[in-house]
PDB file of N, CA and C in Angstrom:
ATOM      1  N   UNK A   1       0.841  -1.179   0.000  1.00  0.00           N
ATOM      2  CA  UNK A   1       0.000   0.000   0.000  1.00  0.00           C
ATOM      3  C   UNK A   1       0.888   1.244   0.000  1.00  0.00           C
ATOM      4  N   UNK A   2       0.695   2.179  -0.914  1.00  0.00           N
ATOM      5  CA  UNK A   2       1.520   3.376  -0.969  1.00  0.00           C
ATOM      6  C   UNK A   2       1.246   4.294   0.216  1.00  0.00           C
ATOM      7  N   UNK A   3       2.265   5.048   0.572  1.00  0.00           N
ATOM      8  CA  UNK A   3       2.139   6.006   1.669  1.00  0.00           C
ATOM      9  C   UNK A   3       1.379   7.226   1.191  1.00  0.00           C
ATOM     10  N   UNK A   4       0.507   7.710   2.025  1.00  0.00           N
ATOM     11  CA  UNK A   4      -0.275   8.911   1.699  1.00  0.00           C
ATOM     12  C   UNK A   4       0.014  10.009   2.702  1.00  0.00           C
ATOM     13  N   UNK A   5       0.093  11.220   2.181  1.00  0.00           N
ATOM     14  CA  UNK A   5       0.327  12.370   3.046  1.00  0.00           C
ATOM     15  C   UNK A   5      -0.725  12.405   4.154  1.00  0.00           C
ATOM     16  N   UNK A   6      -0.269  12.685   5.371  1.00  0.00           N
ATOM     17  CA  UNK A   6      -1.190  12.751   6.507  1.00  0.00           C
ATOM     18  C   UNK A   6      -1.268  11.434   7.267  1.00  0.00           C
ATOM     19  N   UNK A   7      -0.879  10.335   6.648  1.00  0.00           N
ATOM     20  CA  UNK A   7      -0.892   9.055   7.367  1.00  0.00           C
ATOM     21  C   UNK A   7       0.498   8.821   7.964  1.00  0.00           C
ATOM     22  N   UNK A   8       0.600   7.962   9.005  1.00  0.00           N
ATOM     23  CA  UNK A   8       1.911   7.724   9.616  1.00  0.00           C
ATOM     24  C   UNK A   8       2.882   7.135   8.591  1.00  0.00           C
ATOM     25  N   UNK A   9       4.139   7.599   8.660  1.00  0.00           N
ATOM     26  CA  UNK A   9       5.173   7.033   7.793  1.00  0.00           C
ATOM     27  C   UNK A   9       5.422   5.583   8.206  1.00  0.00           C
ATOM     28  N   UNK A  10       5.816   4.730   7.274  1.00  0.00           N
ATOM     29  CA  UNK A  10       6.014   3.313   7.585  1.00  0.00           C
ATOM     30  C   UNK A  10       6.945   3.075   8.764  1.00  0.00           C
ATOM     31  N   UNK A  11       8.020   3.870   8.891  1.00  0.00           N
ATOM     32  CA  UNK A  11       8.956   3.637   9.992  1.00  0.00           C
ATOM     33  C   UNK A  11       8.369   4.029  11.343  1.00  0.00           C
ATOM     34  N   UNK A  12       7.327   4.852  11.369  1.00  0.00           N
ATOM     35  CA  UNK A  12       6.702   5.231  12.630  1.00  0.00           C
ATOM     36  C   UNK A  12       5.880   4.087  13.209  1.00  0.00           C
ATOM     37  N   UNK A  13       5.498   3.161  12.384  1.00  0.00           N
ATOM     38  CA  UNK A  13       4.707   2.027  12.853  1.00  0.00           C
ATOM     39  C   UNK A  13       5.559   0.797  13.123  1.00  0.00           C
ATOM     40  N   UNK A  14       6.830   0.874  12.795  1.00  0.00           N
ATOM     41  CA  UNK A  14       7.712  -0.279  12.965  1.00  0.00           C
ATOM     42  C   UNK A  14       7.937  -0.565  14.439  1.00  0.00           C
ATOM     43  N   UNK A  15       7.852  -1.822  14.799  1.00  0.00           N
ATOM     44  CA  UNK A  15       8.137  -2.271  16.159  1.00  0.00           C
ATOM     45  C   UNK A  15       9.185  -3.366  16.071  1.00  0.00           C
ATOM     46  N   UNK A  16      10.283  -3.251  16.845  1.00  0.00           N
ATOM     47  CA  UNK A  16      11.325  -4.274  16.760  1.00  0.00           C
ATOM     48  C   UNK A  16      10.829  -5.622  17.269  1.00  0.00           C
ATOM     49  N   UNK A  17      11.302  -6.667  16.618  1.00  0.00           N
ATOM     50  CA  UNK A  17      10.972  -8.019  17.060  1.00  0.00           C
ATOM     51  C   UNK A  17      11.702  -8.300  18.368  1.00  0.00           C
ATOM     52  N   UNK A  18      11.309  -9.348  19.103  1.00  0.00           N
ATOM     53  CA  UNK A  18      12.040  -9.700  20.327  1.00  0.00           C
ATOM     54  C   UNK A  18      13.530  -9.923  20.054  1.00  0.00           C
ATOM     55  N   UNK A  19      13.856 -10.543  18.908  1.00  0.00           N
ATOM     56  CA  UNK A  19      15.265 -10.753  18.558  1.00  0.00           C
ATOM     57  C   UNK A  19      15.979  -9.411  18.411  1.00  0.00           C
ATOM     58  N   UNK A  20      15.367  -8.467  17.699  1.00  0.00           N
ATOM     59  CA  UNK A  20      15.976  -7.160  17.486  1.00  0.00           C
ATOM     60  C   UNK A  20      16.173  -6.426  18.812  1.00  0.00           C
ATOM     61  N   UNK A  21      15.192  -6.539  19.721  1.00  0.00           N
ATOM     62  CA  UNK A  21      15.330  -5.894  21.036  1.00  0.00           C
ATOM     63  C   UNK A  21      16.536  -6.450  21.781  1.00  0.00           C
ATOM     64  N   UNK A  22      16.691  -7.773  21.768  1.00  0.00           N
ATOM     65  CA  UNK A  22      17.840  -8.398  22.434  1.00  0.00           C
ATOM     66  C   UNK A  22      19.142  -7.958  21.786  1.00  0.00           C
ATOM     67  N   UNK A  23      19.163  -7.920  20.463  1.00  0.00           N
ATOM     68  CA  UNK A  23      20.371  -7.535  19.748  1.00  0.00           C
ATOM     69  C   UNK A  23      20.743  -6.093  20.067  1.00  0.00           C
ATOM     70  N   UNK A  24      19.759  -5.203  20.116  1.00  0.00           N
ATOM     71  CA  UNK A  24      20.022  -3.803  20.396  1.00  0.00           C
ATOM     72  C   UNK A  24      20.549  -3.591  21.813  1.00  0.00           C
ATOM     73  N   UNK A  25      20.179  -4.489  22.743  1.00  0.00           N
ATOM     74  CA  UNK A  25      20.643  -4.397  24.121  1.00  0.00           C
ATOM     75  C   UNK A  25      21.941  -5.160  24.355  1.00  0.00           C
ATOM     76  N   UNK A  26      22.414  -5.874  23.359  1.00  0.00           N
ATOM     77  CA  UNK A  26      23.571  -6.744  23.546  1.00  0.00           C
ATOM     78  C   UNK A  26      24.836  -5.958  23.831  1.00  0.00           C
ATOM     79  N   UNK A  27      25.817  -6.645  24.345  1.00  0.00           N
ATOM     80  CA  UNK A  27      27.113  -6.054  24.649  1.00  0.00           C
ATOM     81  C   UNK A  27      27.922  -5.905  23.367  1.00  0.00           C
ATOM     82  N   UNK A  28      29.083  -5.289  23.513  1.00  0.00           N
ATOM     83  CA  UNK A  28      29.980  -5.108  22.367  1.00  0.00           C
ATOM     84  C   UNK A  28      30.372  -6.466  21.800  1.00  0.00           C
ATOM     85  N   UNK A  29      30.614  -6.502  20.510  1.00  0.00           N
ATOM     86  CA  UNK A  29      31.095  -7.721  19.873  1.00  0.00           C
ATOM     87  C   UNK A  29      32.470  -8.052  20.425  1.00  0.00           C
ATOM     88  N   UNK A  30      32.721  -9.319  20.647  1.00  0.00           N
ATOM     89  CA  UNK A  30      34.007  -9.742  21.176  1.00  0.00           C
ATOM     90  C   UNK A  30      35.125  -9.312  20.226  1.00  0.00           C
ATOM     91  N   UNK A  31      36.157  -8.726  20.790  1.00  0.00           N
ATOM     92  CA  UNK A  31      37.347  -8.268  20.064  1.00  0.00           C
ATOM     93  C   UNK A  31      37.099  -7.018  19.217  1.00  0.00           C
ATOM     94  N   UNK A  32      35.953  -6.385  19.308  1.00  0.00           N
ATOM     95  CA  UNK A  32      35.672  -5.166  18.546  1.00  0.00           C
ATOM     96  C   UNK A  32      35.289  -4.070  19.518  1.00  0.00           C
ATOM     97  N   UNK A  33      36.244  -3.218  19.862  1.00  0.00           N
ATOM     98  CA  UNK A  33      36.041  -2.147  20.836  1.00  0.00           C
ATOM     99  C   UNK A  33      35.408  -2.679  22.115  1.00  0.00           C
ATOM    100  N   UNK A  34      35.902  -3.808  22.579  1.00  0.00           N
ATOM    101  CA  UNK A  34      35.363  -4.496  23.750  1.00  0.00           C
ATOM    102  C   UNK A  34      36.100  -4.036  25.011  1.00  0.00           C
ATOM    103  N   UNK A  35      35.427  -3.284  25.892  1.00  0.00           N
ATOM    104  CA  UNK A  35      36.079  -2.896  27.147  1.00  0.00           C
ATOM    105  C   UNK A  35      36.406  -4.153  27.956  1.00  0.00           C
ATOM    106  N   UNK A  36      37.652  -4.232  28.426  1.00  0.00           N
ATOM    107  CA  UNK A  36      38.032  -5.426  29.189  1.00  0.00           C
ATOM    108  C   UNK A  36      38.427  -5.106  30.622  1.00  0.00           C
ATOM    109  N   UNK A  37      38.516  -3.839  30.961  1.00  0.00           N
ATOM    110  CA  UNK A  37      38.810  -3.485  32.338  1.00  0.00           C
ATOM    111  C   UNK A  37      39.340  -2.081  32.456  1.00  0.00           C
ATOM    112  N   UNK A  38      39.418  -1.622  33.716  1.00  0.00           N
ATOM    113  CA  UNK A  38      39.966  -0.300  33.981  1.00  0.00           C
ATOM    114  C   UNK A  38      40.842  -0.412  35.219  1.00  0.00           C
ATOM    115  N   UNK A  39      42.021   0.161  35.124  1.00  0.00           N
ATOM    116  CA  UNK A  39      42.963   0.112  36.240  1.00  0.00           C
ATOM    117  C   UNK A  39      43.764   1.402  36.254  1.00  0.00           C
ATOM    118  N   UNK A  40      43.899   2.008  37.427  1.00  0.00           N
ATOM    119  CA  UNK A  40      44.641   3.266  37.574  1.00  0.00           C
ATOM    120  C   UNK A  40      44.162   4.314  36.577  1.00  0.00           C
ATOM    121  N   UNK A  41      42.862   4.408  36.425  1.00  0.00           N
ATOM    122  CA  UNK A  41      42.231   5.389  35.542  1.00  0.00           C
ATOM    123  C   UNK A  41      42.570   5.164  34.062  1.00  0.00           C
ATOM    124  N   UNK A  42      42.985   3.941  33.710  1.00  0.00           N
ATOM    125  CA  UNK A  42      43.254   3.578  32.316  1.00  0.00           C
ATOM    126  C   UNK A  42      42.224   2.543  31.890  1.00  0.00           C
ATOM    127  N   UNK A  43      41.483   2.843  30.844  1.00  0.00           N
ATOM    128  CA  UNK A  43      40.511   1.913  30.286  1.00  0.00           C
ATOM    129  C   UNK A  43      41.211   1.041  29.256  1.00  0.00           C
ATOM    130  N   UNK A  44      41.127  -0.278  29.428  1.00  0.00           N
ATOM    131  CA  UNK A  44      41.724  -1.231  28.488  1.00  0.00           C
ATOM    132  C   UNK A  44      40.621  -1.737  27.576  1.00  0.00           C
ATOM    133  N   UNK A  45      40.841  -1.609  26.262  1.00  0.00           N
ATOM    134  CA  UNK A  45      39.847  -1.990  25.261  1.00  0.00           C
ATOM    135  C   UNK A  45      40.496  -2.935  24.264  1.00  0.00           C
ATOM    136  N   UNK A  46      39.834  -4.054  24.004  1.00  0.00           N
ATOM    137  CA  UNK A  46      40.317  -5.016  23.018  1.00  0.00           C
ATOM    138  C   UNK A  46      39.678  -4.690  21.677  1.00  0.00           C
ATOM    139  N   UNK A  47      40.493  -4.331  20.710  1.00  0.00           N
ATOM    140  CA  UNK A  47      40.003  -4.110  19.350  1.00  0.00           C
ATOM    141  C   UNK A  47      40.878  -4.890  18.377  1.00  0.00           C
ATOM    142  N   UNK A  48      41.088  -6.160  18.698  1.00  0.00           N
ATOM    143  CA  UNK A  48      41.959  -6.978  17.862  1.00  0.00           C
ATOM    144  C   UNK A  48      41.336  -7.289  16.507  1.00  0.00           C
ATOM    145  N   UNK A  49      40.090  -6.908  16.295  1.00  0.00           N
ATOM    146  CA  UNK A  49      39.482  -7.042  14.962  1.00  0.00           C
ATOM    147  C   UNK A  49      39.976  -5.945  14.013  1.00  0.00           C
ATOM    148  N   UNK A  50      40.544  -4.895  14.563  1.00  0.00           N
ATOM    149  CA  UNK A  50      41.091  -3.817  13.730  1.00  0.00           C
ATOM    150  C   UNK A  50      42.461  -4.261  13.239  1.00  0.00           C
ATOM    151  N   UNK A  51      42.481  -4.990  12.147  1.00  0.00           N
ATOM    152  CA  UNK A  51      43.724  -5.603  11.668  1.00  0.00           C
ATOM    153  C   UNK A  51      44.402  -4.814  10.552  1.00  0.00           C
ATOM    154  N   UNK A  52      43.969  -3.580  10.333  1.00  0.00           N
ATOM    155  CA  UNK A  52      44.646  -2.734   9.349  1.00  0.00           C
ATOM    156  C   UNK A  52      44.547  -1.283   9.816  1.00  0.00           C
ATOM    157  N   UNK A  53      45.287  -0.417   9.182  1.00  0.00           N
ATOM    158  CA  UNK A  53      45.361   0.982   9.604  1.00  0.00           C
ATOM    159  C   UNK A  53      43.995   1.665   9.524  1.00  0.00           C
ATOM    160  N   UNK A  54      43.249   1.416   8.478  1.00  0.00           N
ATOM    161  CA  UNK A  54      41.935   2.055   8.338  1.00  0.00           C
ATOM    162  C   UNK A  54      41.015   1.680   9.489  1.00  0.00           C
ATOM    163  N   UNK A  55      40.955   0.413   9.840  1.00  0.00           N
ATOM    164  CA  UNK A  55      40.097  -0.039  10.947  1.00  0.00           C
ATOM    165  C   UNK A  55      40.565   0.556  12.271  1.00  0.00           C
ATOM    166  N   UNK A  56      41.872   0.593  12.488  1.00  0.00           N
ATOM    167  CA  UNK A  56      42.400   1.165  13.730  1.00  0.00           C
ATOM    168  C   UNK A  56      42.106   2.667  13.799  1.00  0.00           C
ATOM    169  N   UNK A  57      42.219   3.334  12.681  1.00  0.00           N
ATOM    170  CA  UNK A  57      41.943   4.777  12.622  1.00  0.00           C
ATOM    171  C   UNK A  57      40.475   5.063  12.960  1.00  0.00           C
ATOM    172  N   UNK A  58      39.577   4.269  12.415  1.00  0.00           N
ATOM    173  CA  UNK A  58      38.154   4.444  12.723  1.00  0.00           C
ATOM    174  C   UNK A  58      37.880   4.167  14.195  1.00  0.00           C
ATOM    175  N   UNK A  59      38.528   3.157  14.743  1.00  0.00           N
ATOM    176  CA  UNK A  59      38.346   2.849  16.165  1.00  0.00           C
ATOM    177  C   UNK A  59      38.833   4.007  17.033  1.00  0.00           C
ATOM    178  N   UNK A  60      39.971   4.602  16.680  1.00  0.00           N
ATOM    179  CA  UNK A  60      40.505   5.727  17.455  1.00  0.00           C
ATOM    180  C   UNK A  60      39.516   6.887  17.514  1.00  0.00           C
ATOM    181  N   UNK A  61      38.779   7.091  16.456  1.00  0.00           N
ATOM    182  CA  UNK A  61      37.809   8.198  16.410  1.00  0.00           C
ATOM    183  C   UNK A  61      36.670   8.013  17.412  1.00  0.00           C
ATOM    184  N   UNK A  62      36.457   6.791  17.869  1.00  0.00           N
ATOM    185  CA  UNK A  62      35.333   6.529  18.764  1.00  0.00           C
ATOM    186  C   UNK A  62      35.641   6.835  20.223  1.00  0.00           C
ATOM    187  N   UNK A  63      36.890   7.112  20.546  1.00  0.00           N
ATOM    188  CA  UNK A  63      37.265   7.352  21.938  1.00  0.00           C
ATOM    189  C   UNK A  63      37.165   8.819  22.297  1.00  0.00           C
ATOM    190  N   UNK A  64      36.752   9.068  23.547  1.00  0.00           N
ATOM    191  CA  UNK A  64      36.668  10.438  24.043  1.00  0.00           C
ATOM    192  C   UNK A  64      37.828  10.762  24.965  1.00  0.00           C
ATOM    193  N   UNK A  65      38.641   9.762  25.295  1.00  0.00           N
ATOM    194  CA  UNK A  65      39.785   9.991  26.167  1.00  0.00           C
ATOM    195  C   UNK A  65      41.069   9.632  25.428  1.00  0.00           C
ATOM    196  N   UNK A  66      42.211  10.048  25.954  1.00  0.00           N
ATOM    197  CA  UNK A  66      43.480   9.740  25.291  1.00  0.00           C
ATOM    198  C   UNK A  66      43.697   8.233  25.139  1.00  0.00           C
ATOM    199  N   UNK A  67      44.387   7.857  24.077  1.00  0.00           N
ATOM    200  CA  UNK A  67      44.590   6.445  23.746  1.00  0.00           C
ATOM    201  C   UNK A  67      46.087   6.142  23.632  1.00  0.00           C
ATOM    202  N   UNK A  68      46.484   5.039  24.260  1.00  0.00           N
ATOM    203  CA  UNK A  68      47.791   4.443  24.014  1.00  0.00           C
ATOM    204  C   UNK A  68      47.497   3.182  23.221  1.00  0.00           C
ATOM    205  N   UNK A  69      47.978   3.142  22.003  1.00  0.00           N
ATOM    206  CA  UNK A  69      47.642   2.066  21.070  1.00  0.00           C
ATOM    207  C   UNK A  69      48.751   1.022  21.029  1.00  0.00           C
ATOM    208  N   UNK A  70      48.388  -0.233  21.281  1.00  0.00           N
ATOM    209  CA  UNK A  70      49.319  -1.344  21.107  1.00  0.00           C
ATOM    210  C   UNK A  70      49.135  -1.804  19.675  1.00  0.00           C
ATOM    211  N   UNK A  71      50.190  -1.672  18.886  1.00  0.00           N
ATOM    212  CA  UNK A  71      50.081  -1.865  17.445  1.00  0.00           C
ATOM    213  C   UNK A  71      51.213  -2.735  16.950  1.00  0.00           C
ATOM    214  N   UNK A  72      50.899  -3.711  16.128  1.00  0.00           N
ATOM    215  CA  UNK A  72      51.975  -4.530  15.603  1.00  0.00           C
ATOM    216  C   UNK A  72      51.496  -5.723  14.823  1.00  0.00           C
ATOM    217  N   UNK A  73      52.377  -6.706  14.771  1.00  0.00           N
ATOM    218  CA  UNK A  73      52.076  -7.883  13.978  1.00  0.00           C
ATOM    219  C   UNK A  73      52.664  -7.740  12.596  1.00  0.00           C
ATOM    220  N   UNK A  74      51.919  -8.171  11.613  1.00  0.00           N
ATOM    221  CA  UNK A  74      52.376  -8.141  10.221  1.00  0.00           C
ATOM    222  C   UNK A  74      51.841  -6.894   9.524  1.00  0.00           C
ATOM    223  N   UNK A  75      52.704  -6.246   8.768  1.00  0.00           N
ATOM    224  CA  UNK A  75      52.326  -5.038   8.021  1.00  0.00           C
ATOM    225  C   UNK A  75      51.354  -5.407   6.895  1.00  0.00           C
ATOM    226  N   UNK A  76      50.273  -4.602   6.745  1.00  0.00           N
ATOM    227  CA  UNK A  76      49.241  -4.870   5.733  1.00  0.00           C
ATOM    228  C   UNK A  76      49.325  -3.937   4.532  1.00  0.00           C
ATOM    229  N   UNK A  77      50.327  -3.048   4.496  1.00  0.00           N
ATOM    230  CA  UNK A  77      50.519  -2.225   3.309  1.00  0.00           C
ATOM    231  C   UNK A  77      50.124  -0.770   3.427  1.00  0.00           C
ATOM    232  N   UNK A  78      49.344  -0.399   4.425  1.00  0.00           N
ATOM    233  CA  UNK A  78      48.927   0.991   4.575  1.00  0.00           C
ATOM    234  C   UNK A  78      49.953   1.769   5.398  1.00  0.00           C
ATOM    235  N   UNK A  79      50.141   3.052   5.123  1.00  0.00           N
ATOM    236  CA  UNK A  79      51.076   3.840   5.928  1.00  0.00           C
ATOM    237  C   UNK A  79      50.503   4.107   7.327  1.00  0.00           C
ATOM    238  N   UNK A  80      51.334   3.933   8.330  1.00  0.00           N
ATOM    239  CA  UNK A  80      50.899   4.153   9.714  1.00  0.00           C
ATOM    240  C   UNK A  80      50.732   5.635  10.018  1.00  0.00           C
ATOM    241  N   UNK A  81      51.280   6.500   9.188  1.00  0.00           N
ATOM    242  CA  UNK A  81      51.147   7.944   9.386  1.00  0.00           C
ATOM    243  C   UNK A  81      49.681   8.368   9.437  1.00  0.00           C
ATOM    244  N   UNK A  82      48.815   7.610   8.785  1.00  0.00           N
ATOM    245  CA  UNK A  82      47.376   7.947   8.769  1.00  0.00           C
ATOM    246  C   UNK A  82      46.739   7.880  10.147  1.00  0.00           C
ATOM    247  N   UNK A  83      47.381   7.199  11.091  1.00  0.00           N
ATOM    248  CA  UNK A  83      46.826   7.108  12.449  1.00  0.00           C
ATOM    249  C   UNK A  83      46.869   8.453  13.168  1.00  0.00           C
ATOM    250  N   UNK A  84      47.765   9.330  12.768  1.00  0.00           N
ATOM    251  CA  UNK A  84      47.872  10.641  13.400  1.00  0.00           C
ATOM    252  C   UNK A  84      47.258  11.755  12.591  1.00  0.00           C
ATOM    253  N   UNK A  85      46.544  11.425  11.534  1.00  0.00           N
ATOM    254  CA  UNK A  85      45.987  12.437  10.647  1.00  0.00           C
ATOM    255  C   UNK A  85      44.527  12.132  10.350  1.00  0.00           C
ATOM    256  N   UNK A  86      43.570  12.980  10.685  1.00  0.00           N
ATOM    257  CA  UNK A  86      43.760  14.231  11.398  1.00  0.00           C
ATOM    258  C   UNK A  86      44.135  13.956  12.850  1.00  0.00           C
ATOM    259  N   UNK A  87      44.610  14.969  13.571  1.00  0.00           N
ATOM    260  CA  UNK A  87      45.023  14.722  14.955  1.00  0.00           C
ATOM    261  C   UNK A  87      43.919  14.016  15.729  1.00  0.00           C
ATOM    262  N   UNK A  88      44.300  12.940  16.362  1.00  0.00           N
ATOM    263  CA  UNK A  88      43.321  12.141  17.097  1.00  0.00           C
ATOM    264  C   UNK A  88      43.667  12.156  18.576  1.00  0.00           C
ATOM    265  N   UNK A  89      43.031  11.301  19.304  1.00  0.00           N
ATOM    266  CA  UNK A  89      43.299  11.176  20.728  1.00  0.00           C
ATOM    267  C   UNK A  89      44.498  10.265  20.997  1.00  0.00           C
ATOM    268  N   UNK A  90      45.202   9.909  19.963  1.00  0.00           N
ATOM    269  CA  UNK A  90      46.359   9.026  20.079  1.00  0.00           C
ATOM    270  C   UNK A  90      47.476   9.745  20.832  1.00  0.00           C
ATOM    271  N   UNK A  91      47.868   9.199  21.989  1.00  0.00           N
ATOM    272  CA  UNK A  91      48.910   9.814  22.806  1.00  0.00           C
ATOM    273  C   UNK A  91      50.243   9.090  22.693  1.00  0.00           C
ATOM    274  N   UNK A  92      50.188   7.783  22.455  1.00  0.00           N
ATOM    275  CA  UNK A  92      51.424   7.004  22.311  1.00  0.00           C
ATOM    276  C   UNK A  92      51.092   5.697  21.612  1.00  0.00           C
ATOM    277  N   UNK A  93      52.137   5.089  21.038  1.00  0.00           N
ATOM    278  CA  UNK A  93      51.993   3.791  20.394  1.00  0.00           C
ATOM    279  C   UNK A  93      53.040   2.858  20.983  1.00  0.00           C
ATOM    280  N   UNK A  94      52.613   1.647  21.320  1.00  0.00           N
ATOM    281  CA  UNK A  94      53.526   0.591  21.728  1.00  0.00           C
ATOM    282  C   UNK A  94      53.599  -0.357  20.536  1.00  0.00           C
ATOM    283  N   UNK A  95      54.756  -0.408  19.898  1.00  0.00           N
ATOM    284  CA  UNK A  95      54.927  -1.184  18.663  1.00  0.00           C
ATOM    285  C   UNK A  95      55.590  -2.521  18.967  1.00  0.00           C
ATOM    286  N   UNK A  96      55.054  -3.584  18.367  1.00  0.00           N
ATOM    287  CA  UNK A  96      55.634  -4.909  18.546  1.00  0.00           C
ATOM    288  C   UNK A  96      55.495  -5.696  17.253  1.00  0.00           C
ATOM    289  N   UNK A  97      56.264  -6.762  17.150  1.00  0.00           N
ATOM    290  CA  UNK A  97      56.116  -7.680  16.026  1.00  0.00           C
ATOM    291  C   UNK A  97      56.873  -7.267  14.782  1.00  0.00           C
ATOM    292  N   UNK A  98      56.562  -7.966  13.710  1.00  0.00           N
ATOM    293  CA  UNK A  98      57.247  -7.809  12.423  1.00  0.00           C
ATOM    294  C   UNK A  98      57.206  -6.379  11.885  1.00  0.00           C
ATOM    295  N   UNK A  99      56.110  -5.670  12.118  1.00  0.00           N
ATOM    296  CA  UNK A  99      55.934  -4.326  11.559  1.00  0.00           C
ATOM    297  C   UNK A  99      56.599  -3.231  12.384  1.00  0.00           C
ATOM    298  N   UNK A 100      57.231  -3.575  13.507  1.00  0.00           N
ATOM    299  CA  UNK A 100      57.794  -2.566  14.404  1.00  0.00           C
ATOM    300  C   UNK A 100      58.674  -1.531  13.703  1.00  0.00           C
ATOM    301  N   UNK A 101      59.672  -1.926  12.903  1.00  0.00           N
ATOM    302  CA  UNK A 101      60.525  -0.900  12.286  1.00  0.00           C
ATOM    303  C   UNK A 101      59.744   0.093  11.418  1.00  0.00           C
ATOM    304  N   UNK A 102      58.770  -0.384  10.693  1.00  0.00           N
ATOM    305  CA  UNK A 102      57.969   0.496   9.841  1.00  0.00           C
ATOM    306  C   UNK A 102      57.055   1.398  10.672  1.00  0.00           C
ATOM    307  N   UNK A 103      56.473   0.849  11.733  1.00  0.00           N
ATOM    308  CA  UNK A 103      55.622   1.655  12.628  1.00  0.00           C
ATOM    309  C   UNK A 103      56.453   2.791  13.224  1.00  0.00           C
ATOM    310  N   UNK A 104      57.630   2.465  13.727  1.00  0.00           N
ATOM    311  CA  UNK A 104      58.513   3.474  14.319  1.00  0.00           C
ATOM    312  C   UNK A 104      58.877   4.524  13.276  1.00  0.00           C
ATOM    313  N   UNK A 105      59.266   4.092  12.103  1.00  0.00           N
ATOM    314  CA  UNK A 105      59.651   5.010  11.028  1.00  0.00           C
ATOM    315  C   UNK A 105      58.501   5.932  10.640  1.00  0.00           C
ATOM    316  N   UNK A 106      57.303   5.387  10.480  1.00  0.00           N
ATOM    317  CA  UNK A 106      56.145   6.182  10.040  1.00  0.00           C
ATOM    318  C   UNK A 106      55.641   7.146  11.111  1.00  0.00           C
ATOM    319  N   UNK A 107      55.695   6.749  12.383  1.00  0.00           N
ATOM    320  CA  UNK A 107      55.059   7.551  13.431  1.00  0.00           C
ATOM    321  C   UNK A 107      56.007   8.415  14.241  1.00  0.00           C
ATOM    322  N   UNK A 108      57.302   8.197  14.091  1.00  0.00           N
ATOM    323  CA  UNK A 108      58.269   9.010  14.816  1.00  0.00           C
ATOM    324  C   UNK A 108      58.083  10.477  14.439  1.00  0.00           C
ATOM    325  N   UNK A 109      57.988  11.329  15.443  1.00  0.00           N
ATOM    326  CA  UNK A 109      57.761  12.750  15.202  1.00  0.00           C
ATOM    327  C   UNK A 109      56.290  13.121  15.185  1.00  0.00           C
ATOM    328  N   UNK A 110      55.406  12.120  15.065  1.00  0.00           N
ATOM    329  CA  UNK A 110      53.958  12.368  15.093  1.00  0.00           C
ATOM    330  C   UNK A 110      53.412  12.069  16.479  1.00  0.00           C
ATOM    331  N   UNK A 111      53.887  10.964  17.061  1.00  0.00           N
ATOM    332  CA  UNK A 111      53.419  10.522  18.372  1.00  0.00           C
ATOM    333  C   UNK A 111      54.559   9.736  19.019  1.00  0.00           C
ATOM    334  N   UNK A 112      54.576   9.682  20.335  1.00  0.00           N
ATOM    335  CA  UNK A 112      55.599   8.901  21.032  1.00  0.00           C
ATOM    336  C   UNK A 112      55.429   7.421  20.685  1.00  0.00           C
ATOM    337  N   UNK A 113      56.526   6.758  20.329  1.00  0.00           N
ATOM    338  CA  UNK A 113      56.478   5.340  19.970  1.00  0.00           C
ATOM    339  C   UNK A 113      57.448   4.571  20.868  1.00  0.00           C
ATOM    340  N   UNK A 114      56.925   3.577  21.575  1.00  0.00           N
ATOM    341  CA  UNK A 114      57.749   2.680  22.369  1.00  0.00           C
ATOM    342  C   UNK A 114      57.892   1.379  21.612  1.00  0.00           C
ATOM    343  N   UNK A 115      59.081   0.860  21.580  1.00  0.00           N
ATOM    344  CA  UNK A 115      59.375  -0.383  20.860  1.00  0.00           C
ATOM    345  C   UNK A 115      59.411  -1.546  21.832  1.00  0.00           C
ATOM    346  N   UNK A 116      58.687  -2.609  21.529  1.00  0.00           N
ATOM    347  CA  UNK A 116      58.739  -3.834  22.323  1.00  0.00           C
ATOM    348  C   UNK A 116      59.298  -4.913  21.416  1.00  0.00           C
ATOM    349  N   UNK A 117      60.346  -5.551  21.849  1.00  0.00           N
ATOM    350  CA  UNK A 117      61.068  -6.472  20.969  1.00  0.00           C
ATOM    351  C   UNK A 117      60.468  -7.866  20.873  1.00  0.00           C
ATOM    352  N   UNK A 118      59.557  -8.226  21.747  1.00  0.00           N
ATOM    353  CA  UNK A 118      59.142  -9.626  21.773  1.00  0.00           C
ATOM    354  C   UNK A 118      57.685  -9.835  21.372  1.00  0.00           C
ATOM    355  N   UNK A 119      56.804  -9.909  22.339  1.00  0.00           N
ATOM    356  CA  UNK A 119      55.447 -10.386  22.058  1.00  0.00           C
ATOM    357  C   UNK A 119      54.372  -9.383  22.461  1.00  0.00           C
ATOM    358  N   UNK A 120      53.149  -9.712  22.121  1.00  0.00           N
ATOM    359  CA  UNK A 120      51.999  -8.917  22.533  1.00  0.00           C
ATOM    360  C   UNK A 120      51.925  -8.872  24.060  1.00  0.00           C
ATOM    361  N   UNK A 121      52.213  -9.970  24.706  1.00  0.00           N
ATOM    362  CA  UNK A 121      52.186 -10.012  26.175  1.00  0.00           C
ATOM    363  C   UNK A 121      53.168  -8.990  26.748  1.00  0.00           C
ATOM    364  N   UNK A 122      54.362  -8.887  26.140  1.00  0.00           N
ATOM    365  CA  UNK A 122      55.352  -7.899  26.582  1.00  0.00           C
ATOM    366  C   UNK A 122      54.817  -6.477  26.352  1.00  0.00           C
ATOM    367  N   UNK A 123      54.122  -6.270  25.246  1.00  0.00           N
ATOM    368  CA  UNK A 123      53.556  -4.950  24.944  1.00  0.00           C
ATOM    369  C   UNK A 123      52.526  -4.555  25.982  1.00  0.00           C
ATOM    370  N   UNK A 124      51.700  -5.490  26.424  1.00  0.00           N
ATOM    371  CA  UNK A 124      50.684  -5.208  27.433  1.00  0.00           C
ATOM    372  C   UNK A 124      51.342  -4.867  28.775  1.00  0.00           C
ATOM    373  N   UNK A 125      52.424  -5.554  29.095  1.00  0.00           N
ATOM    374  CA  UNK A 125      53.146  -5.281  30.356  1.00  0.00           C
ATOM    375  C   UNK A 125      53.805  -3.911  30.353  1.00  0.00           C
ATOM    376  N   UNK A 126      54.095  -3.381  29.160  1.00  0.00           N
ATOM    377  CA  UNK A 126      54.766  -2.087  29.053  1.00  0.00           C
ATOM    378  C   UNK A 126      53.836  -1.010  29.566  1.00  0.00           C
TER     379      UNK A 126
END
């Protein structure tokens, strides 16, 4: 039935199904901007689904407080300089893994970069 002026718009009559209500109330997706704890006024967030610079950059935009980013692993081809442009809440980067030299090279002078020589676990301890 076509919509007629003066009658309620179709979206005004829409009611979410029980499934949709549950989904809308659900917690963050695991590994996607998932808060995992807070200690000493530092919020720890797992965003291990952000496996490239574009995804990490979008995630950074969602924060309202300063961010220390643990970044590393294998390089995916994008320049890391994009993480600081436009200026974001990025305060420091802890670099680890195979991509460390490139991360340091790209971000030096843009943001403080700490180098971790071993593993993700070592980066978290830093």
